[in-house]
């Protein structure tokens, strides 16, 4: 699963969701996904910008989160997902994931 594929899928999902009120950055091994959730729908891009919350994980882990094969709680508890910054922002991501 490439970063571009994940960006496209998040863009499709974010078009249906509401505003997060914050910014989030996913740092993957081969790229970055930036979500500007201050407007509805959230803007999703492959830009590397400062964010309120930064989540580090593999593209595979993010793909599994988006398909529902892995819960965010389990990914966090097993170390597959690392969160820096505002943890409450990370918990609001269900509308995009």
N, C-alpha and C. Protein backbone atom coordinates (compact mmCIF):
# COMPACT_ATOMS: atom_id res chain seq x y z
N UNK A 1 0.84 -1.18 0.00
CA UNK A 1 0.00 0.00 0.00
C UNK A 1 0.89 1.25 0.00
N UNK A 2 0.77 2.07 -1.01
CA UNK A 2 1.60 3.27 -1.10
C UNK A 2 0.97 4.43 -0.34
N UNK A 3 1.79 5.42 -0.03
CA UNK A 3 1.29 6.61 0.64
C UNK A 3 0.23 7.31 -0.22
N UNK A 4 0.45 7.36 -1.54
CA UNK A 4 -0.53 8.00 -2.43
C UNK A 4 -1.88 7.30 -2.37
N UNK A 5 -1.88 5.97 -2.32
CA UNK A 5 -3.13 5.22 -2.20
C UNK A 5 -3.85 5.55 -0.90
N UNK A 6 -3.08 5.63 0.19
CA UNK A 6 -3.67 5.94 1.50
C UNK A 6 -4.22 7.36 1.53
N UNK A 7 -3.51 8.30 0.89
CA UNK A 7 -4.01 9.68 0.81
C UNK A 7 -5.34 9.71 0.08
N UNK A 8 -5.43 9.03 -1.06
CA UNK A 8 -6.68 9.00 -1.83
C UNK A 8 -7.83 8.41 -1.01
N UNK A 9 -7.56 7.33 -0.32
CA UNK A 9 -8.61 6.71 0.49
C UNK A 9 -9.07 7.63 1.62
N UNK A 10 -8.11 8.32 2.26
CA UNK A 10 -8.48 9.25 3.33
C UNK A 10 -9.25 10.44 2.77
N UNK A 11 -8.89 10.89 1.58
CA UNK A 11 -9.63 12.00 0.97
C UNK A 11 -11.08 11.60 0.73
N UNK A 12 -11.29 10.38 0.26
CA UNK A 12 -12.66 9.90 0.03
C UNK A 12 -13.44 9.82 1.34
N UNK A 13 -12.82 9.28 2.38
CA UNK A 13 -13.50 9.16 3.67
C UNK A 13 -13.74 10.52 4.30
N UNK A 14 -12.78 11.43 4.19
CA UNK A 14 -12.93 12.74 4.83
C UNK A 14 -14.03 13.56 4.18
N UNK A 15 -14.32 13.30 2.91
CA UNK A 15 -15.39 14.03 2.22
C UNK A 15 -16.74 13.78 2.88
N UNK A 16 -16.88 12.67 3.57
CA UNK A 16 -18.13 12.31 4.23
C UNK A 16 -18.16 12.71 5.70
N UNK A 17 -17.00 13.06 6.27
CA UNK A 17 -16.91 13.33 7.70
C UNK A 17 -17.00 14.81 8.03
N UNK A 18 -17.08 15.09 9.30
CA UNK A 18 -17.13 16.46 9.78
C UNK A 18 -15.74 16.99 10.08
N UNK A 19 -15.68 18.18 10.63
CA UNK A 19 -14.41 18.81 10.96
C UNK A 19 -13.83 18.20 12.24
N UNK A 20 -12.53 18.01 12.26
CA UNK A 20 -11.83 17.52 13.45
C UNK A 20 -11.48 18.67 14.39
N UNK A 21 -11.33 19.86 13.83
CA UNK A 21 -10.96 21.02 14.62
C UNK A 21 -9.46 21.11 14.88
N UNK A 22 -8.68 20.24 14.28
CA UNK A 22 -7.24 20.18 14.52
C UNK A 22 -6.52 19.67 13.29
N UNK A 23 -5.19 19.65 13.39
CA UNK A 23 -4.38 19.08 12.32
C UNK A 23 -3.67 17.82 12.81
N UNK A 24 -3.49 16.88 11.90
CA UNK A 24 -2.87 15.59 12.23
C UNK A 24 -1.89 15.23 11.12
N UNK A 25 -0.76 14.66 11.53
CA UNK A 25 0.22 14.19 10.55
C UNK A 25 0.52 12.72 10.82
N UNK A 26 0.43 11.90 9.78
CA UNK A 26 0.85 10.50 9.86
C UNK A 26 2.23 10.41 9.24
N UNK A 27 3.20 9.95 10.02
CA UNK A 27 4.54 9.73 9.49
C UNK A 27 4.69 8.24 9.21
N UNK A 28 4.81 7.91 7.94
CA UNK A 28 4.95 6.53 7.50
C UNK A 28 6.39 6.32 7.07
N UNK A 29 6.78 5.07 6.83
CA UNK A 29 8.17 4.81 6.46
C UNK A 29 8.52 5.40 5.10
N UNK A 30 7.55 5.59 4.22
CA UNK A 30 7.87 6.09 2.87
C UNK A 30 7.15 7.39 2.52
N UNK A 31 6.67 8.12 3.52
CA UNK A 31 6.01 9.38 3.23
C UNK A 31 5.21 9.91 4.40
N UNK A 32 4.52 11.00 4.15
CA UNK A 32 3.75 11.68 5.18
C UNK A 32 2.35 11.95 4.66
N UNK A 33 1.38 11.86 5.56
CA UNK A 33 0.00 12.24 5.24
C UNK A 33 -0.39 13.32 6.23
N UNK A 34 -0.82 14.47 5.71
CA UNK A 34 -1.22 15.60 6.56
C UNK A 34 -2.72 15.81 6.42
N UNK A 35 -3.40 15.92 7.55
CA UNK A 35 -4.84 16.16 7.55
C UNK A 35 -5.10 17.50 8.24
N UNK A 36 -5.68 18.43 7.48
CA UNK A 36 -6.09 19.71 8.05
C UNK A 36 -7.59 19.60 8.32
N UNK A 37 -7.90 19.28 9.56
CA UNK A 37 -9.29 19.04 9.94
C UNK A 37 -9.97 20.25 10.52
N UNK A 38 -9.45 21.44 10.23
CA UNK A 38 -10.07 22.65 10.76
C UNK A 38 -11.27 23.09 9.93
N UNK A 39 -11.50 22.43 8.81
CA UNK A 39 -12.68 22.72 8.00
C UNK A 39 -13.36 21.39 7.67
N UNK A 40 -14.60 21.49 7.23
CA UNK A 40 -15.32 20.27 6.84
C UNK A 40 -15.63 20.38 5.35
N UNK A 41 -15.26 19.40 4.56
CA UNK A 41 -14.51 18.20 4.96
C UNK A 41 -13.05 18.54 5.18
N UNK A 42 -12.37 17.65 5.89
CA UNK A 42 -10.95 17.82 6.16
C UNK A 42 -10.16 17.74 4.86
N UNK A 43 -9.09 18.50 4.78
CA UNK A 43 -8.21 18.46 3.61
C UNK A 43 -7.09 17.47 3.90
N UNK A 44 -6.88 16.53 2.99
CA UNK A 44 -5.86 15.50 3.15
C UNK A 44 -4.84 15.63 2.03
N UNK A 45 -3.55 15.65 2.39
CA UNK A 45 -2.50 15.77 1.39
C UNK A 45 -1.27 14.99 1.83
N UNK A 46 -0.27 14.94 0.96
CA UNK A 46 0.98 14.27 1.28
C UNK A 46 2.03 15.28 1.76
N UNK A 47 1.59 16.46 2.19
CA UNK A 47 2.51 17.49 2.67
C UNK A 47 3.09 17.11 4.03
N UNK A 48 4.30 17.60 4.29
CA UNK A 48 4.93 17.41 5.59
C UNK A 48 4.91 18.75 6.30
N UNK A 49 3.90 18.97 7.14
CA UNK A 49 3.74 20.23 7.86
C UNK A 49 3.61 19.94 9.35
N UNK A 50 3.81 20.98 10.17
CA UNK A 50 3.61 20.84 11.61
C UNK A 50 2.14 20.57 11.89
N UNK A 51 1.89 19.73 12.90
CA UNK A 51 0.51 19.35 13.22
C UNK A 51 0.30 19.34 14.73
N UNK A 52 -0.96 19.41 15.14
CA UNK A 52 -1.31 19.33 16.56
C UNK A 52 -0.98 17.95 17.13
N UNK A 53 -1.07 16.93 16.27
CA UNK A 53 -0.84 15.55 16.68
C UNK A 53 -0.09 14.83 15.57
N UNK A 54 0.97 14.12 15.93
CA UNK A 54 1.74 13.33 14.96
C UNK A 54 1.62 11.86 15.33
N UNK A 55 1.27 11.06 14.33
CA UNK A 55 1.12 9.61 14.54
C UNK A 55 2.14 8.91 13.65
N UNK A 56 2.95 8.05 14.28
CA UNK A 56 3.94 7.28 13.53
C UNK A 56 3.49 5.83 13.47
N UNK A 57 3.47 5.31 12.25
CA UNK A 57 3.11 3.90 12.06
C UNK A 57 3.54 3.49 10.66
N UNK A 58 3.43 2.21 10.37
CA UNK A 58 3.74 1.73 9.03
C UNK A 58 2.53 1.92 8.13
N UNK A 59 2.76 1.90 6.83
CA UNK A 59 1.65 2.00 5.87
C UNK A 59 0.71 0.82 6.04
N UNK A 60 1.27 -0.34 6.34
CA UNK A 60 0.45 -1.54 6.56
C UNK A 60 -0.47 -1.36 7.77
N UNK A 61 0.07 -0.81 8.86
CA UNK A 61 -0.75 -0.58 10.05
C UNK A 61 -1.86 0.41 9.74
N UNK A 62 -1.56 1.50 9.04
CA UNK A 62 -2.58 2.49 8.69
C UNK A 62 -3.64 1.87 7.79
N UNK A 63 -3.22 1.06 6.83
CA UNK A 63 -4.17 0.36 5.96
C UNK A 63 -5.10 -0.53 6.78
N UNK A 64 -4.54 -1.27 7.73
CA UNK A 64 -5.36 -2.16 8.57
C UNK A 64 -6.31 -1.38 9.46
N UNK A 65 -5.88 -0.20 9.92
CA UNK A 65 -6.77 0.66 10.71
C UNK A 65 -7.93 1.15 9.85
N UNK A 66 -7.63 1.52 8.61
CA UNK A 66 -8.66 2.05 7.72
C UNK A 66 -9.66 0.99 7.27
N UNK A 67 -9.21 -0.25 7.16
CA UNK A 67 -10.12 -1.33 6.75
C UNK A 67 -10.86 -1.95 7.92
N UNK A 68 -10.45 -1.59 9.14
CA UNK A 68 -11.11 -2.15 10.32
C UNK A 68 -10.52 -3.46 10.78
N UNK A 69 -9.42 -3.90 10.16
CA UNK A 69 -8.78 -5.15 10.56
C UNK A 69 -7.98 -5.02 11.85
N UNK A 70 -7.73 -3.78 12.27
CA UNK A 70 -6.95 -3.52 13.48
C UNK A 70 -7.56 -2.32 14.20
N UNK A 71 -7.75 -2.45 15.49
CA UNK A 71 -8.28 -1.32 16.25
C UNK A 71 -7.14 -0.39 16.64
N UNK A 72 -7.44 0.89 16.73
CA UNK A 72 -6.42 1.87 17.10
C UNK A 72 -5.90 1.59 18.50
N UNK A 73 -6.76 1.18 19.38
CA UNK A 73 -6.35 0.87 20.75
C UNK A 73 -5.33 -0.26 20.76
N UNK A 74 -5.61 -1.32 20.03
CA UNK A 74 -4.69 -2.47 19.97
C UNK A 74 -3.37 -2.06 19.32
N UNK A 75 -3.43 -1.26 18.26
CA UNK A 75 -2.21 -0.82 17.59
C UNK A 75 -1.36 0.02 18.54
N UNK A 76 -1.99 0.88 19.32
CA UNK A 76 -1.27 1.72 20.27
C UNK A 76 -0.66 0.87 21.39
N UNK A 77 -1.45 -0.06 21.93
CA UNK A 77 -0.99 -0.88 23.05
C UNK A 77 0.15 -1.82 22.65
N UNK A 78 0.18 -2.24 21.39
CA UNK A 78 1.23 -3.16 20.93
C UNK A 78 2.43 -2.43 20.32
N UNK A 79 2.40 -1.09 20.34
CA UNK A 79 3.52 -0.31 19.83
C UNK A 79 3.56 -0.13 18.33
N UNK A 80 2.52 -0.53 17.63
CA UNK A 80 2.48 -0.37 16.18
C UNK A 80 2.10 1.06 15.79
N UNK A 81 1.63 1.82 16.77
CA UNK A 81 1.17 3.18 16.56
C UNK A 81 1.74 4.03 17.70
N UNK A 82 2.43 5.09 17.35
CA UNK A 82 2.99 5.99 18.36
C UNK A 82 2.40 7.37 18.15
N UNK A 83 1.96 8.00 19.23
CA UNK A 83 1.29 9.30 19.15
C UNK A 83 2.11 10.33 19.90
N UNK A 84 2.34 11.46 19.24
CA UNK A 84 3.00 12.61 19.87
C UNK A 84 2.08 13.81 19.74
N UNK A 85 2.04 14.62 20.77
CA UNK A 85 1.20 15.81 20.73
C UNK A 85 -0.13 15.54 21.41
N UNK A 86 -1.17 16.17 20.92
CA UNK A 86 -2.49 16.13 21.53
C UNK A 86 -3.19 14.78 21.29
N UNK A 87 -3.24 13.96 22.33
CA UNK A 87 -3.84 12.63 22.23
C UNK A 87 -5.34 12.70 21.93
N UNK A 88 -6.02 13.74 22.37
CA UNK A 88 -7.46 13.84 22.11
C UNK A 88 -7.74 13.99 20.62
N UNK A 89 -6.81 14.59 19.89
CA UNK A 89 -6.97 14.71 18.44
C UNK A 89 -6.93 13.33 17.80
N UNK A 90 -6.00 12.50 18.24
CA UNK A 90 -5.88 11.14 17.70
C UNK A 90 -7.17 10.36 17.92
N UNK A 91 -7.81 10.58 19.03
CA UNK A 91 -9.04 9.83 19.33
C UNK A 91 -10.22 10.28 18.49
N UNK A 92 -10.14 11.43 17.85
CA UNK A 92 -11.21 11.93 16.99
C UNK A 92 -11.11 11.41 15.56
N UNK A 93 -10.08 10.67 15.23
CA UNK A 93 -9.81 10.28 13.85
C UNK A 93 -10.74 9.21 13.28
N UNK A 94 -11.63 8.69 14.07
CA UNK A 94 -12.49 7.60 13.57
C UNK A 94 -13.30 8.02 12.35
N UNK A 95 -13.60 9.31 12.20
CA UNK A 95 -14.39 9.76 11.06
C UNK A 95 -13.60 9.65 9.75
N UNK A 96 -12.28 9.66 9.84
CA UNK A 96 -11.46 9.56 8.63
C UNK A 96 -10.90 8.16 8.44
N UNK A 97 -10.69 7.46 9.53
CA UNK A 97 -10.19 6.09 9.46
C UNK A 97 -11.35 5.16 9.34
